[in-house]
N, C-alpha and C. Protein backbone atom coordinates (compact mmCIF):
# COMPACT_ATOMS: atom_id res chain seq x y z
N UNK A 1 146.81 96.89 152.50
CA UNK A 1 145.97 96.91 151.67
C UNK A 1 144.56 96.82 151.86
N UNK A 2 144.47 96.28 153.24
CA UNK A 2 143.31 96.76 154.23
C UNK A 2 142.83 98.16 154.29
N UNK A 3 143.88 99.05 154.71
CA UNK A 3 143.72 99.99 155.11
C UNK A 3 143.45 100.79 154.01
N UNK A 4 143.60 100.62 152.57
CA UNK A 4 143.44 101.27 151.67
C UNK A 4 142.31 100.99 151.25
N UNK A 5 141.92 99.73 151.60
CA UNK A 5 140.31 99.34 151.45
C UNK A 5 139.50 100.10 152.14
N UNK A 6 139.39 100.48 153.63
CA UNK A 6 138.72 101.05 154.43
C UNK A 6 138.95 102.81 154.27
N UNK A 7 140.25 103.24 153.84
CA UNK A 7 140.38 104.82 153.34
C UNK A 7 139.48 104.94 152.24
N UNK A 8 138.92 104.00 151.25
CA UNK A 8 138.29 104.33 150.13
C UNK A 8 136.85 104.34 150.23
N UNK A 9 136.56 102.92 151.31
CA UNK A 9 134.89 103.25 151.82
C UNK A 9 134.97 104.21 152.69
N UNK A 10 135.30 104.36 153.42
CA UNK A 10 135.17 105.60 154.08
C UNK A 10 135.25 106.84 153.56
N UNK A 11 136.03 107.54 152.44
CA UNK A 11 135.95 108.33 151.14
C UNK A 11 134.08 108.55 150.92
N UNK A 12 133.87 106.91 150.25
CA UNK A 12 132.73 106.51 149.34
C UNK A 12 131.45 107.36 150.35
N UNK A 13 131.66 106.77 151.82
CA UNK A 13 130.91 106.90 152.71
C UNK A 13 130.54 108.16 152.94
N UNK A 14 131.51 109.08 152.62
CA UNK A 14 131.37 110.28 153.23
C UNK A 14 130.96 111.06 151.90
N UNK A 15 131.51 111.01 150.74
CA UNK A 15 130.73 111.62 149.24
C UNK A 15 129.14 111.45 149.31
N UNK A 16 128.83 110.16 149.88
CA UNK A 16 127.55 109.58 149.97
C UNK A 16 126.09 110.26 150.75
N UNK A 17 127.28 110.78 152.09
CA UNK A 17 126.37 111.33 152.59
C UNK A 17 126.46 112.54 152.09
N UNK A 18 127.50 113.56 151.98
CA UNK A 18 127.29 114.71 151.25
C UNK A 18 126.10 114.76 150.12
N UNK A 19 125.92 113.80 149.40
CA UNK A 19 125.27 114.04 148.27
C UNK A 19 123.47 113.97 148.84
N UNK A 20 123.56 112.93 149.67
CA UNK A 20 122.23 112.58 150.59
C UNK A 20 121.62 114.12 151.35
N UNK A 21 122.52 114.89 151.77
CA UNK A 21 122.44 115.78 151.99
C UNK A 21 122.08 117.48 151.22
N UNK A 22 122.61 117.32 150.23
CA UNK A 22 122.20 118.28 149.23
C UNK A 22 120.89 117.85 148.64
N UNK A 23 120.65 116.32 148.13
CA UNK A 23 119.70 116.15 147.47
C UNK A 23 118.06 116.45 148.51
N UNK A 24 118.62 116.31 150.04
CA UNK A 24 117.87 116.66 150.68
C UNK A 24 117.09 118.27 151.38
N UNK A 25 118.79 119.04 150.95
CA UNK A 25 118.72 120.31 150.60
C UNK A 25 117.43 121.00 149.39
N UNK A 26 117.69 120.55 148.12
CA UNK A 26 116.91 120.55 147.02
C UNK A 26 115.78 120.22 147.56
N UNK A 27 115.43 119.17 147.66
CA UNK A 27 113.99 118.88 148.35
C UNK A 27 113.06 120.16 148.99
N UNK A 28 114.15 119.88 150.11
CA UNK A 28 113.47 120.74 150.63
C UNK A 28 112.85 122.26 150.85
N UNK A 29 113.98 122.61 149.87
CA UNK A 29 113.96 124.17 148.88
C UNK A 29 112.57 124.04 147.95
N UNK A 30 112.28 122.80 147.61
CA UNK A 30 111.09 122.71 146.78
C UNK A 30 109.91 122.99 147.14
N UNK A 31 110.06 122.27 147.89
CA UNK A 31 108.88 121.87 149.23
C UNK A 31 108.78 123.28 149.69
N UNK A 32 109.71 124.65 150.04
CA UNK A 32 109.20 125.88 151.12
C UNK A 32 109.00 126.51 149.29
N UNK A 33 109.56 126.48 148.20
CA UNK A 33 108.69 127.20 147.48
C UNK A 33 107.28 126.76 147.20
N UNK A 34 107.21 125.44 147.07
CA UNK A 34 105.82 125.40 146.77
C UNK A 34 104.85 125.67 148.09
N UNK A 35 105.03 126.13 149.30
CA UNK A 35 104.45 126.54 150.37
C UNK A 35 103.82 128.06 150.40
N UNK A 36 105.43 128.63 149.99
CA UNK A 36 105.06 130.00 149.49
C UNK A 36 104.78 129.99 148.53
N UNK A 37 103.90 129.35 147.54
CA UNK A 37 103.06 129.67 146.57
C UNK A 37 101.61 129.60 146.64
N UNK A 38 101.32 128.80 148.37
CA UNK A 38 100.07 128.39 148.13
C UNK A 38 98.76 129.66 148.18
N UNK A 39 98.15 130.14 148.47
CA UNK A 39 97.31 130.93 149.09
C UNK A 39 96.96 131.04 150.10
N UNK A 40 96.12 132.07 150.90
CA UNK A 40 96.09 132.23 152.16
C UNK A 40 95.61 130.92 152.77
N UNK A 41 94.55 130.69 152.54
CA UNK A 41 93.42 129.84 152.79
C UNK A 41 94.44 128.31 152.74
N UNK A 42 95.08 128.03 151.70
CA UNK A 42 95.97 126.66 151.91
C UNK A 42 96.91 127.12 152.61
N UNK A 43 97.45 128.04 153.06
CA UNK A 43 98.36 128.16 154.01
C UNK A 43 97.70 127.80 155.61
N UNK A 44 96.44 128.66 155.49
CA UNK A 44 95.76 128.34 156.66
C UNK A 44 95.68 127.05 156.94
N UNK A 45 95.07 126.31 156.32
CA UNK A 45 94.41 124.49 156.24
C UNK A 45 96.21 123.96 156.89
N UNK A 46 96.67 124.29 156.09
CA UNK A 46 98.32 123.70 156.24
C UNK A 46 98.74 124.20 157.80
N UNK A 47 98.44 124.89 157.86
CA UNK A 47 99.19 125.85 159.31
C UNK A 47 98.21 125.20 160.55
N UNK A 48 96.88 124.34 160.25
CA UNK A 48 95.78 123.69 160.97
C UNK A 48 96.38 122.41 160.93
N UNK A 49 97.26 121.77 159.70
CA UNK A 49 97.39 120.28 160.30
C UNK A 49 98.52 120.77 161.03
N UNK A 50 99.03 120.95 161.15
CA UNK A 50 100.89 121.53 161.94
C UNK A 50 100.36 121.37 162.93
N UNK A 51 99.15 122.53 163.52
CA UNK A 51 99.00 122.78 164.97
C UNK A 51 98.82 121.04 165.40
N UNK A 52 97.38 120.75 164.20
CA UNK A 52 97.23 119.69 165.13
C UNK A 52 97.80 118.38 165.69
N UNK A 53 99.49 118.49 164.74
CA UNK A 53 100.02 117.42 164.63
C UNK A 53 101.36 117.65 165.90
N UNK A 54 101.13 118.77 166.14
CA UNK A 54 102.25 118.95 167.45
C UNK A 54 101.43 119.14 168.77
N UNK A 55 100.09 119.06 168.52
CA UNK A 55 99.28 119.11 169.90
C UNK A 55 98.92 120.68 170.19
N UNK A 56 98.81 121.45 169.14
CA UNK A 56 98.33 123.23 169.11
C UNK A 56 99.34 123.81 170.11
N UNK A 57 100.07 123.49 169.95
CA UNK A 57 101.19 124.15 170.87
C UNK A 57 101.60 125.63 170.29
N UNK A 58 102.44 126.76 171.13
CA UNK A 58 102.46 128.00 170.49
C UNK A 58 103.37 127.86 169.49
N UNK A 59 103.80 128.75 168.75
CA UNK A 59 104.83 128.83 167.73
C UNK A 59 106.53 128.46 168.26
N UNK A 60 106.72 128.71 169.55
CA UNK A 60 108.00 128.69 170.65
C UNK A 60 107.80 127.03 170.73
N UNK A 61 106.59 126.85 171.10
CA UNK A 61 106.94 125.36 171.32
C UNK A 61 107.04 124.06 170.32
N UNK A 62 105.97 124.93 169.40
CA UNK A 62 106.57 124.31 167.81
C UNK A 62 107.68 123.92 167.24
N UNK A 63 108.08 125.20 167.60
CA UNK A 63 110.02 125.63 167.29
C UNK A 63 110.53 124.54 167.93
N UNK A 64 110.68 124.29 168.94
CA UNK A 64 111.59 123.16 169.72
C UNK A 64 110.81 122.07 169.43
N UNK A 65 109.56 121.71 169.60
CA UNK A 65 108.96 120.21 168.93
C UNK A 65 109.59 119.84 167.66
N UNK A 66 109.92 120.86 166.69
CA UNK A 66 110.58 120.73 165.34
C UNK A 66 112.14 120.56 165.43
N UNK A 67 112.63 120.66 166.40
CA UNK A 67 114.16 120.57 166.69
C UNK A 67 114.60 118.93 166.82
N UNK A 68 113.57 117.66 167.15
CA UNK A 68 113.96 116.85 167.43
C UNK A 68 113.77 115.87 165.70
N UNK A 69 115.07 115.23 165.26
CA UNK A 69 115.01 114.87 163.44
C UNK A 69 113.73 113.74 163.76
N UNK A 70 112.81 113.34 164.62
CA UNK A 70 111.51 112.56 164.35
C UNK A 70 110.75 113.46 163.73
N UNK A 71 110.86 114.20 164.52
CA UNK A 71 109.49 115.52 164.93
C UNK A 71 109.61 116.03 163.65
N UNK A 72 110.43 116.61 163.29
CA UNK A 72 110.75 117.20 161.96
C UNK A 72 110.56 116.52 160.57
N UNK A 73 111.35 114.93 160.94
CA UNK A 73 110.45 114.48 159.28
C UNK A 73 109.14 114.11 159.58
N UNK A 74 108.21 113.85 160.75
CA UNK A 74 106.91 113.83 160.25
C UNK A 74 106.48 115.23 160.14
N UNK A 75 106.79 116.39 160.43
CA UNK A 75 106.35 117.61 160.21
C UNK A 75 106.37 118.00 158.11
N UNK A 76 108.05 117.30 157.55
CA UNK A 76 107.78 117.85 156.53
C UNK A 76 107.08 116.75 155.28
N UNK A 77 106.89 115.37 156.29
CA UNK A 77 105.82 114.50 155.35
C UNK A 77 104.53 115.07 155.47
N UNK A 78 103.93 115.44 156.72
CA UNK A 78 102.92 116.34 156.40
C UNK A 78 102.48 117.21 155.31
N UNK A 79 103.80 118.07 155.36
CA UNK A 79 103.62 118.89 154.11
C UNK A 79 103.79 118.48 152.99
N UNK A 80 104.68 117.57 153.01
CA UNK A 80 104.85 117.24 151.81
C UNK A 80 103.24 116.24 150.99
N UNK A 81 102.79 115.47 151.91
CA UNK A 81 101.60 114.80 152.30
C UNK A 81 100.42 115.89 151.76
N UNK A 82 100.38 117.19 152.01
CA UNK A 82 99.76 117.98 151.66
C UNK A 82 99.13 118.64 150.50
N UNK A 83 100.56 118.98 150.39
CA UNK A 83 101.06 119.54 148.76
C UNK A 83 100.38 118.40 147.57
N UNK A 84 100.97 116.97 147.59
CA UNK A 84 100.76 116.20 147.22
C UNK A 84 98.57 116.28 146.90
N UNK A 85 98.10 115.87 147.79
CA UNK A 85 96.58 116.18 147.74
C UNK A 85 96.42 116.63 147.46
N UNK A 86 96.39 118.64 147.60
CA UNK A 86 95.77 119.25 146.73
C UNK A 86 95.96 119.73 144.98
N UNK A 87 97.24 118.90 144.39
CA UNK A 87 97.76 118.60 143.20
C UNK A 87 96.43 117.61 142.34
N UNK A 88 96.23 117.25 143.72
CA UNK A 88 95.08 115.84 142.60
C UNK A 88 93.87 116.60 142.04
């Protein structure tokens, strides 16, 4: 019986992980669509915010910077905060 309980718990955790991944992907797609819909001036402002956030690095350095999960989350938060601010 304990093995069945553990197996069920592992399956539940796996399903929850898949659901979280799906929800995150949908959220990222929504944010990406909103960024693509920005006008050029808004895109430039957002690019400036991101450049400042990563220390004014080159595009290649920014790509490496964004590979770190914590940095990627910060970048996503910055983008989301900017989109929220322009909606007000």
